[in-house]
Amino acid sequence: MARVKKNTEFIHTPEIKSRVRLTNVFAVISCLIFCLSGINNMYLGELLSGIFLEILALLNLVTLVLNRLNLVRWSISYLFLLITGAIFYFDSHSGFESGSYLFYFPLLFAIAHVFDYRSAQDRLTMLLHILLVIALPIIHLSTGHSLFRSELLTDAQRSEIFIFNLSFSIACMGYFVYLIVKANVERLNLLEQILADENKLRRMQEEKNKEKEILLAELQHRVHNNLSLMTSLLRIKQESINGENYDRIFKEIFHALQSVAHAHRLQQFNDGRLMVPLQHYLHEIDQHWKELLADEPVAHIVEWKCGENNVNVKQCITLGLIFHECIIAFSRRNATSEIPQKLLFDVCEIAEFIRIEISCTISNVLAGPQEDLLIYALLEQLDTELVQPKPGQYEIRFRVVAPDDYLESKSLFGS
């Protein structure tokens, strides 16, 4: 079973398929030549040689059967030995004047064209066939073309046979030259296609490298902006530090830093954009704030309502810091209250906008730009404003970033 499978795989390789196809073509051509030569000999009165040629024509068709049975090596050698033997016989039978030896030239082309030079076995087989083709004319020269000579053919008939053999030999040579030129053209076209593909791949690689350089520059630009943002935040926090609230301010700064870190950790590509799942992000912010205040008595409640919304990572960082400052402002203004207060964030998506409603039981939880400077500075980053429909309620609405605007520095792509 393993041997049969190996032979089947051998037959179905492209090189073997090409060889089988060429051998079949040569078998049909030689069959046609023998058949027409036989008819020509019968016409000239050589009945026995004509019948013999017709038998040889049928024997050439055995090559097709051998190829059908996947006996490729046997079929090739069988075909070339049959043609070589036929040329050898009729070169002596009709004499040198008949020109049967002319078929040796296309035969050599056929042998060189069919065999694969990369295989040692094929090279040896091809060499043996070529040596045989060279040896047989030498035998005829040494014997004077008298081994099977027929005395019944006249010089005129031999001249007609010569014209016939010359015509078919030239036609066969032209066909094999055509095959060689065609193979060379196919190789050149294949080489040109390979070069074109390599150039295309090189251009694609260059484009990818440019994209990577742009993304790397964008990453550096984004890190720079985030560090600048945190530096500004620390400066603002520094102004409110004193001996009593040092520990609380430190926790607030730590929470702000973690808000930025959570956004980067949760970001993922979605339709070519770096997006952050907002619900997951808000949960992370809330849990971290509760962990920071685990050792303090908490007299307020912070709740979140958010659907399956995604925002750009840049907007998410700004939004996370806004939530952070809202919670800080709420906890500070609730510090003196004896009644537990409640802060609610309701996030939803409407068309191309994200709407955030902030509801608080403290009417002035968010003061003006003078007191809560950082919140209003962050709102400018989102290109929006804080609307207060009534005391204790605030609304933020901003546009979701378009796919081609998700990078912070569009000038990088322009360059």
Protein backbone atom coordinates (compact mmCIF):
# COMPACT_ATOMS: atom_id res chain seq x y z
CA MET A 1 0.00 0.00 0.00
CA ALA A 2 2.80 2.41 0.89
CA ARG A 3 4.52 1.73 -2.43
CA VAL A 4 1.36 2.35 -4.43
CA LYS A 5 0.81 5.63 -2.58
CA LYS A 6 4.40 6.71 -3.29
CA ASN A 7 4.01 5.97 -7.01
CA THR A 8 0.76 7.91 -7.14
CA GLU A 9 2.37 10.95 -5.55
CA PHE A 10 5.28 10.61 -7.98
CA ILE A 11 2.96 10.65 -10.99
CA HIS A 12 1.04 13.69 -9.84
CA THR A 13 4.03 16.00 -9.49
CA PRO A 14 4.04 18.88 -12.03
CA GLU A 15 7.32 17.72 -13.62
CA ILE A 16 6.01 14.19 -14.20
CA LYS A 17 2.71 15.50 -15.57
CA SER A 18 4.62 17.65 -18.05
CA ARG A 19 6.80 14.69 -19.02
CA VAL A 20 3.77 12.43 -19.56
CA ARG A 21 2.11 15.09 -21.69
CA LEU A 22 5.21 15.53 -23.87
CA THR A 23 5.69 11.78 -24.26
CA ASN A 24 2.09 11.39 -25.38
CA VAL A 25 2.56 14.20 -27.92
CA PHE A 26 5.73 12.60 -29.27
CA ALA A 27 4.00 9.22 -29.50
CA VAL A 28 1.14 10.70 -31.52
CA ILE A 29 3.57 12.58 -33.81
CA SER A 30 5.71 9.49 -34.43
CA CYS A 31 2.55 7.43 -35.01
CA LEU A 32 1.43 9.96 -37.62
CA ILE A 33 4.86 9.95 -39.31
CA PHE A 34 5.02 6.12 -39.44
CA CYS A 35 1.48 5.95 -40.73
CA LEU A 36 2.11 8.47 -43.54
CA SER A 37 5.48 6.88 -44.34
CA GLY A 38 3.78 3.49 -44.62
CA ILE A 39 1.17 4.88 -47.00
CA ASN A 40 3.95 6.53 -49.02
CA ASN A 41 5.92 3.26 -49.23
CA MET A 42 2.82 1.32 -50.33
CA TYR A 43 2.25 3.95 -53.00
CA LEU A 44 5.81 3.45 -54.22
CA GLY A 45 5.31 -0.34 -54.40
CA GLU A 46 7.03 -1.30 -51.10
CA LEU A 47 4.08 -3.20 -49.67
CA LEU A 48 5.93 -5.11 -46.92
CA SER A 49 7.79 -2.04 -45.61
CA GLY A 50 4.53 -0.08 -45.72
CA ILE A 51 2.75 -2.73 -43.63
CA PHE A 52 5.71 -2.79 -41.25
CA LEU A 53 5.48 0.98 -40.84
CA GLU A 54 1.77 0.77 -40.09
CA ILE A 55 2.51 -1.86 -37.42
CA LEU A 56 5.13 0.50 -35.93
CA ALA A 57 2.54 3.27 -35.93
CA LEU A 58 0.24 1.09 -33.81
CA LEU A 59 3.11 0.11 -31.52
CA ASN A 60 3.70 3.81 -30.79
CA LEU A 61 0.23 3.98 -29.26
CA VAL A 62 1.35 1.49 -26.59
CA THR A 63 3.14 4.49 -25.04
CA LEU A 64 -0.24 6.05 -24.23
CA VAL A 65 -1.32 2.85 -22.49
CA LEU A 66 1.88 2.68 -20.42
CA ASN A 67 1.45 6.30 -19.33
CA ARG A 68 -2.14 5.53 -18.45
CA LEU A 69 -0.85 2.75 -16.18
CA ASN A 70 1.56 5.24 -14.52
CA LEU A 71 4.62 3.46 -15.98
CA VAL A 72 6.19 6.72 -17.03
CA ARG A 73 9.85 5.73 -17.10
CA TRP A 74 9.10 2.57 -19.06
CA SER A 75 6.89 4.39 -21.56
CA ILE A 76 9.56 7.01 -22.32
CA SER A 77 12.32 4.48 -22.91
CA TYR A 78 9.95 2.24 -24.88
CA LEU A 79 8.97 5.10 -27.21
CA PHE A 80 12.52 6.29 -27.87
CA LEU A 81 13.88 2.75 -28.37
CA LEU A 82 11.05 1.98 -30.78
CA ILE A 83 11.68 5.13 -32.84
CA THR A 84 15.46 4.62 -32.75
CA GLY A 85 15.11 1.01 -33.95
CA ALA A 86 12.69 2.02 -36.72
CA ILE A 87 15.04 4.76 -37.96
CA PHE A 88 17.97 2.32 -37.83
CA TYR A 89 16.05 -0.29 -39.88
CA PHE A 90 14.74 2.03 -42.59
CA ASP A 91 18.02 3.93 -42.85
CA SER A 92 19.53 0.62 -44.01
CA HIS A 93 16.45 -0.65 -45.87
CA SER A 94 15.98 2.40 -48.07
CA GLY A 95 19.63 3.38 -48.17
CA PHE A 96 21.47 6.55 -47.36
CA GLU A 97 19.81 8.30 -50.29
CA SER A 98 16.34 8.00 -48.66
CA GLY A 99 17.33 10.32 -45.80
CA SER A 100 15.84 8.23 -42.97
CA TYR A 101 18.78 9.31 -40.82
CA LEU A 102 17.30 12.84 -40.81
CA PHE A 103 14.88 11.73 -38.10
CA TYR A 104 17.81 11.28 -35.71
CA PHE A 105 18.01 15.07 -35.28
CA PRO A 106 14.45 15.67 -34.00
CA LEU A 107 14.84 12.48 -31.94
CA LEU A 108 17.84 13.99 -30.12
CA PHE A 109 15.80 17.15 -29.47
CA ALA A 110 12.98 15.03 -28.07
CA ILE A 111 15.30 13.05 -25.78
CA ALA A 112 16.93 16.21 -24.41
CA HIS A 113 13.56 17.90 -23.99
CA VAL A 114 11.73 15.12 -22.13
CA PHE A 115 14.27 13.99 -19.53
CA ASP A 116 14.81 15.82 -16.25
CA TYR A 117 18.46 16.83 -15.78
CA ARG A 118 18.11 17.11 -11.98
CA SER A 119 17.69 13.37 -11.46
CA ALA A 120 20.79 11.16 -11.67
CA GLN A 121 18.70 8.28 -13.01
CA ASP A 122 17.21 10.48 -15.74
CA ARG A 123 20.61 11.87 -16.69
CA LEU A 124 21.97 8.33 -17.06
CA THR A 125 18.96 7.17 -19.10
CA MET A 126 19.18 10.23 -21.37
CA LEU A 127 22.91 9.65 -21.89
CA LEU A 128 22.31 6.00 -22.86
CA HIS A 129 19.65 7.02 -25.40
CA ILE A 130 21.93 9.66 -26.92
CA LEU A 131 24.84 7.20 -27.12
CA LEU A 132 22.55 4.72 -28.85
CA VAL A 133 21.46 7.33 -31.39
CA ILE A 134 25.13 8.17 -32.08
CA ALA A 135 26.22 4.51 -32.25
CA LEU A 136 23.62 3.39 -34.81
CA PRO A 137 24.64 5.86 -37.57
CA ILE A 138 28.25 4.82 -36.96
CA ILE A 139 27.20 1.20 -37.55
CA HIS A 140 25.52 2.20 -40.82
CA LEU A 141 28.58 4.11 -41.95
CA SER A 142 30.86 1.18 -41.15
CA THR A 143 28.57 -1.31 -42.99
CA GLY A 144 27.73 0.95 -45.92
CA HIS A 145 23.98 0.94 -45.11
CA SER A 146 23.76 -2.69 -46.25
CA LEU A 147 22.37 -4.55 -43.23
CA PHE A 148 18.70 -4.54 -44.37
CA ARG A 149 19.08 -2.94 -47.82
CA SER A 150 16.26 -3.47 -50.32
CA GLU A 151 17.24 -3.72 -53.98
CA LEU A 152 13.66 -3.23 -55.13
CA LEU A 153 13.70 0.55 -54.62
CA THR A 154 14.83 2.64 -57.53
CA ASP A 155 16.84 5.83 -57.26
CA ALA A 156 13.75 7.86 -58.17
CA GLN A 157 11.78 6.24 -55.37
CA ARG A 158 14.60 6.84 -52.91
CA SER A 159 14.61 10.49 -54.02
CA GLU A 160 10.86 10.76 -53.33
CA ILE A 161 11.33 9.10 -49.93
CA PHE A 162 14.15 11.56 -49.19
CA ILE A 163 11.91 14.54 -49.94
CA PHE A 164 9.20 13.04 -47.71
CA ASN A 165 11.63 12.34 -44.85
CA LEU A 166 13.28 15.75 -45.19
CA SER A 167 9.94 17.54 -45.03
CA PHE A 168 8.77 15.68 -41.94
CA SER A 169 12.18 15.96 -40.27
CA ILE A 170 12.19 19.75 -40.77
CA ALA A 171 8.61 19.94 -39.49
CA CYS A 172 9.56 17.92 -36.38
CA MET A 173 12.64 20.07 -35.81
CA GLY A 174 10.49 23.18 -36.09
CA TYR A 175 8.02 21.75 -33.57
CA PHE A 176 10.74 20.94 -31.05
CA VAL A 177 12.33 24.37 -31.54
CA TYR A 178 8.87 25.81 -30.87
CA LEU A 179 8.66 23.79 -27.64
CA ILE A 180 12.09 25.01 -26.53
CA VAL A 181 11.26 28.64 -27.31
CA LYS A 182 7.89 28.27 -25.59
CA ALA A 183 9.56 26.80 -22.49
CA ASN A 184 12.09 29.67 -22.45
CA VAL A 185 9.32 32.25 -22.80
CA GLU A 186 7.37 30.61 -19.96
CA ARG A 187 10.49 30.68 -17.78
CA LEU A 188 11.05 34.35 -18.60
CA ASN A 189 7.40 35.16 -17.86
CA LEU A 190 7.65 33.21 -14.61
CA LEU A 191 10.84 35.07 -13.71
CA GLU A 192 9.20 38.41 -14.50
CA GLN A 193 6.20 37.42 -12.40
CA ILE A 194 8.47 36.41 -9.52
CA LEU A 195 10.32 39.73 -9.78
CA ALA A 196 7.01 41.63 -9.91
CA ASP A 197 5.76 39.73 -6.84
CA GLU A 198 9.01 40.42 -5.00
CA ASN A 199 8.75 44.12 -5.85
CA LYS A 200 5.15 44.13 -4.68
CA LEU A 201 6.10 42.39 -1.43
CA ARG A 202 8.97 44.82 -0.95
CA ARG A 203 6.64 47.80 -1.44
CA MET A 204 4.14 46.26 0.97
CA GLN A 205 6.92 45.70 3.49
CA GLU A 206 8.07 49.30 3.09
CA GLU A 207 4.50 50.49 3.65
CA LYS A 208 4.23 48.30 6.75
CA ASN A 209 7.53 49.68 8.03
CA LYS A 210 6.25 53.21 7.49
CA GLU A 211 3.05 52.35 9.35
CA LYS A 212 5.08 50.90 12.20
CA GLU A 213 7.23 54.02 12.32
CA ILE A 214 4.10 56.18 12.37
CA LEU A 215 2.52 54.06 15.10
CA LEU A 216 5.75 54.17 17.11
CA ALA A 217 5.88 57.95 16.75
CA GLU A 218 2.21 58.11 17.72
CA LEU A 219 2.88 55.95 20.77
CA GLN A 220 5.70 58.25 21.82
CA HIS A 221 3.46 61.26 21.22
CA ARG A 222 0.68 59.69 23.28
CA VAL A 223 3.00 58.80 26.15
CA HIS A 224 4.32 62.37 26.08
CA ASN A 225 0.79 63.78 26.23
CA ASN A 226 -0.21 61.45 29.07
CA LEU A 227 2.89 62.35 31.07
CA SER A 228 2.22 66.04 30.47
CA LEU A 229 -1.36 65.53 31.58
CA MET A 230 -0.27 63.78 34.78
CA THR A 231 2.35 66.48 35.43
CA SER A 232 -0.36 69.13 35.21
CA LEU A 233 -2.56 67.07 37.51
CA LEU A 234 0.22 66.77 40.09
CA ARG A 235 0.84 70.51 39.97
CA ILE A 236 -2.82 71.21 40.64
CA LYS A 237 -2.92 68.68 43.48
CA GLN A 238 0.25 70.13 44.94
CA GLU A 239 -1.46 73.43 45.65
CA SER A 240 -4.01 71.76 47.93
CA ILE A 241 -1.55 69.64 49.96
CA ASN A 242 -1.10 70.40 53.62
CA GLY A 243 -0.12 68.44 56.71
CA GLU A 244 -3.66 67.22 57.41
CA ASN A 245 -4.74 65.95 53.99
CA TYR A 246 -1.42 64.59 52.75
CA ASP A 247 -2.53 60.94 52.89
CA ARG A 248 -5.84 61.65 51.12
CA ILE A 249 -4.21 63.69 48.33
CA PHE A 250 -1.67 60.91 47.81
CA LYS A 251 -4.54 58.40 47.36
CA GLU A 252 -6.27 60.73 44.91
CA ILE A 253 -3.10 61.04 42.83
CA PHE A 254 -2.62 57.30 42.93
CA HIS A 255 -6.22 56.78 41.72
CA ALA A 256 -5.71 59.27 38.86
CA LEU A 257 -2.57 57.45 37.73
CA GLN A 258 -4.35 54.11 37.89
CA SER A 259 -7.25 55.53 35.84
CA VAL A 260 -4.81 56.24 33.02
CA ALA A 261 -3.15 52.84 33.45
CA HIS A 262 -6.51 51.00 33.32
CA ALA A 263 -7.38 52.68 30.02
CA HIS A 264 -4.12 51.54 28.42
CA ARG A 265 -4.50 48.03 29.83
CA LEU A 266 -8.04 47.57 28.50
CA GLN A 267 -7.50 49.06 25.05
CA GLN A 268 -7.98 46.79 22.06
CA PHE A 269 -8.27 47.16 18.29
CA ASN A 270 -11.82 47.38 16.96
CA ASP A 271 -12.40 48.19 13.26
CA GLY A 272 -8.98 49.82 12.98
CA ARG A 273 -9.39 51.87 16.15
CA LEU A 274 -7.94 51.52 19.63
CA MET A 275 -11.08 51.27 21.73
CA VAL A 276 -11.79 50.68 25.42
CA PRO A 277 -14.92 48.93 26.75
CA LEU A 278 -16.40 51.69 28.89
CA GLN A 279 -18.42 49.46 31.21
CA HIS A 280 -15.40 47.39 32.16
CA TYR A 281 -13.29 50.52 32.53
CA LEU A 282 -15.77 52.21 34.90
CA HIS A 283 -15.94 49.07 36.98
CA GLU A 284 -12.14 49.06 37.31
CA ILE A 285 -12.13 52.73 38.40
CA ASP A 286 -14.87 52.15 40.99
CA GLN A 287 -13.21 49.03 42.44
CA HIS A 288 -9.86 50.76 42.72
CA TRP A 289 -11.39 53.76 44.51
CA LYS A 290 -13.11 51.47 46.99
CA GLU A 291 -9.84 49.66 47.65
CA LEU A 292 -8.10 52.95 48.37
CA LEU A 293 -10.80 53.95 50.88
CA ALA A 294 -11.08 50.51 52.46
CA ASP A 295 -9.57 51.75 55.74
CA GLU A 296 -11.73 54.89 55.89
CA PRO A 297 -15.37 55.25 56.93
CA VAL A 298 -17.27 55.86 53.67
CA ALA A 299 -20.46 57.87 54.09
CA HIS A 300 -21.39 58.13 50.41
CA ILE A 301 -22.55 55.88 47.56
CA VAL A 302 -21.23 55.96 43.98
CA GLU A 303 -23.23 54.04 41.37
CA TRP A 304 -22.76 53.45 37.63
CA LYS A 305 -25.12 52.72 34.74
CA CYS A 306 -23.42 51.92 31.46
CA GLY A 307 -24.22 49.83 28.41
CA GLU A 308 -21.86 47.99 26.08
CA ASN A 309 -20.22 51.17 24.83
CA ASN A 310 -16.70 51.55 23.45
CA VAL A 311 -14.75 54.80 23.35
CA ASN A 312 -11.42 55.75 21.87
CA VAL A 313 -8.49 55.28 24.27
CA LYS A 314 -7.61 58.97 24.19
CA GLN A 315 -11.19 59.95 25.05
CA CYS A 316 -11.32 57.19 27.65
CA ILE A 317 -8.30 58.58 29.52
CA THR A 318 -9.85 62.07 29.57
CA LEU A 319 -13.22 60.64 30.56
CA GLY A 320 -11.66 58.53 33.32
CA LEU A 321 -9.98 61.59 34.81
CA ILE A 322 -13.31 63.49 34.67
CA PHE A 323 -14.99 60.66 36.60
CA HIS A 324 -12.05 60.70 38.99
CA GLU A 325 -12.40 64.43 39.67
CA CYS A 326 -16.19 64.13 40.04
CA ILE A 327 -15.75 61.41 42.67
CA ILE A 328 -13.09 63.47 44.47
CA ALA A 329 -15.29 66.59 44.45
CA PHE A 330 -18.26 64.57 45.68
CA SER A 331 -16.30 62.90 48.50
CA ARG A 332 -14.83 66.25 49.64
CA ARG A 333 -18.20 68.05 49.71
CA ASN A 334 -19.76 65.06 51.41
CA ALA A 335 -17.11 64.96 54.15
CA THR A 336 -19.07 67.36 56.40
CA SER A 337 -22.47 65.81 55.70
CA GLU A 338 -24.01 63.61 58.36
CA ILE A 339 -26.47 62.05 55.90
CA PRO A 340 -25.09 59.55 53.36
CA GLN A 341 -25.15 61.10 49.92
CA LYS A 342 -25.38 59.43 46.51
CA LEU A 343 -23.61 60.05 43.18
CA LEU A 344 -24.89 58.35 39.99
CA PHE A 345 -23.24 58.15 36.56
CA ASP A 346 -25.55 57.15 33.69
CA VAL A 347 -23.69 56.55 30.40
CA CYS A 348 -25.49 55.82 27.11
CA GLU A 349 -24.81 56.16 23.38
CA ILE A 350 -27.10 58.22 21.17
CA ALA A 351 -26.31 58.11 17.43
CA GLU A 352 -22.69 59.34 17.16
CA PHE A 353 -22.61 60.82 20.65
CA ILE A 354 -21.88 59.53 24.15
CA ARG A 355 -24.15 61.14 26.76
CA ILE A 356 -23.22 61.09 30.44
CA GLU A 357 -25.74 62.17 33.06
CA ILE A 358 -24.36 62.89 36.53
CA SER A 359 -26.93 62.96 39.31
CA CYS A 360 -26.06 63.84 42.90
CA THR A 361 -28.01 64.45 46.07
CA ILE A 362 -25.65 67.37 46.74
CA SER A 363 -26.84 70.30 44.66
CA ASN A 364 -23.46 71.98 44.22
CA VAL A 365 -21.27 68.89 43.92
CA LEU A 366 -19.52 70.43 40.91
CA ALA A 367 -18.67 74.07 41.38
CA GLY A 368 -17.57 76.49 38.69
CA PRO A 369 -14.28 76.62 36.77
CA GLN A 370 -12.58 78.45 39.61
CA GLU A 371 -13.01 75.61 42.13
CA ASP A 372 -13.00 72.57 39.81
CA LEU A 373 -10.49 73.83 37.25
CA LEU A 374 -9.25 70.39 36.23
CA ILE A 375 -12.72 69.09 35.32
CA TYR A 376 -13.37 72.00 32.97
CA ALA A 377 -9.90 71.70 31.47
CA LEU A 378 -10.57 68.01 30.75
CA LEU A 379 -13.93 68.87 29.19
CA GLU A 380 -12.09 71.03 26.70
CA GLN A 381 -10.07 67.98 25.70
CA LEU A 382 -13.37 66.28 24.74
CA ASP A 383 -14.49 69.45 22.91
CA THR A 384 -17.64 69.66 25.03
CA GLU A 385 -19.15 71.52 27.97
CA LEU A 386 -20.81 70.67 31.26
CA VAL A 387 -24.53 71.40 31.15
CA GLN A 388 -26.57 71.71 34.37
CA PRO A 389 -30.30 71.26 33.65
CA LYS A 390 -31.17 71.62 37.35
CA PRO A 391 -29.39 71.56 40.73
CA GLY A 392 -27.64 68.29 41.41
CA GLN A 393 -27.82 67.12 37.77
CA TYR A 394 -25.17 67.55 35.07
CA GLU A 395 -24.88 66.37 31.51
CA ILE A 396 -21.86 65.78 29.27
CA ARG A 397 -22.26 64.95 25.58
CA PHE A 398 -19.37 64.37 23.18
CA ARG A 399 -18.94 62.91 19.72
CA VAL A 400 -17.42 59.45 19.28
CA VAL A 401 -14.15 59.76 17.36
CA ALA A 402 -14.39 58.82 13.65
CA PRO A 403 -12.27 55.87 12.33
CA ASP A 404 -9.79 58.16 10.56
CA ASP A 405 -9.40 60.46 13.58
CA TYR A 406 -8.53 57.97 16.29
CA LEU A 407 -4.89 59.02 16.55
CA GLU A 408 -3.91 61.96 18.65
CA SER A 409 -1.47 63.37 16.11
CA LYS A 410 -2.97 63.43 12.62
CA SER A 411 -0.01 65.46 11.40
CA LEU A 412 2.14 62.36 11.76
CA PHE A 413 0.22 60.68 8.94
CA GLY A 414 0.38 63.81 6.86
CA SER A 415 4.16 63.77 7.09
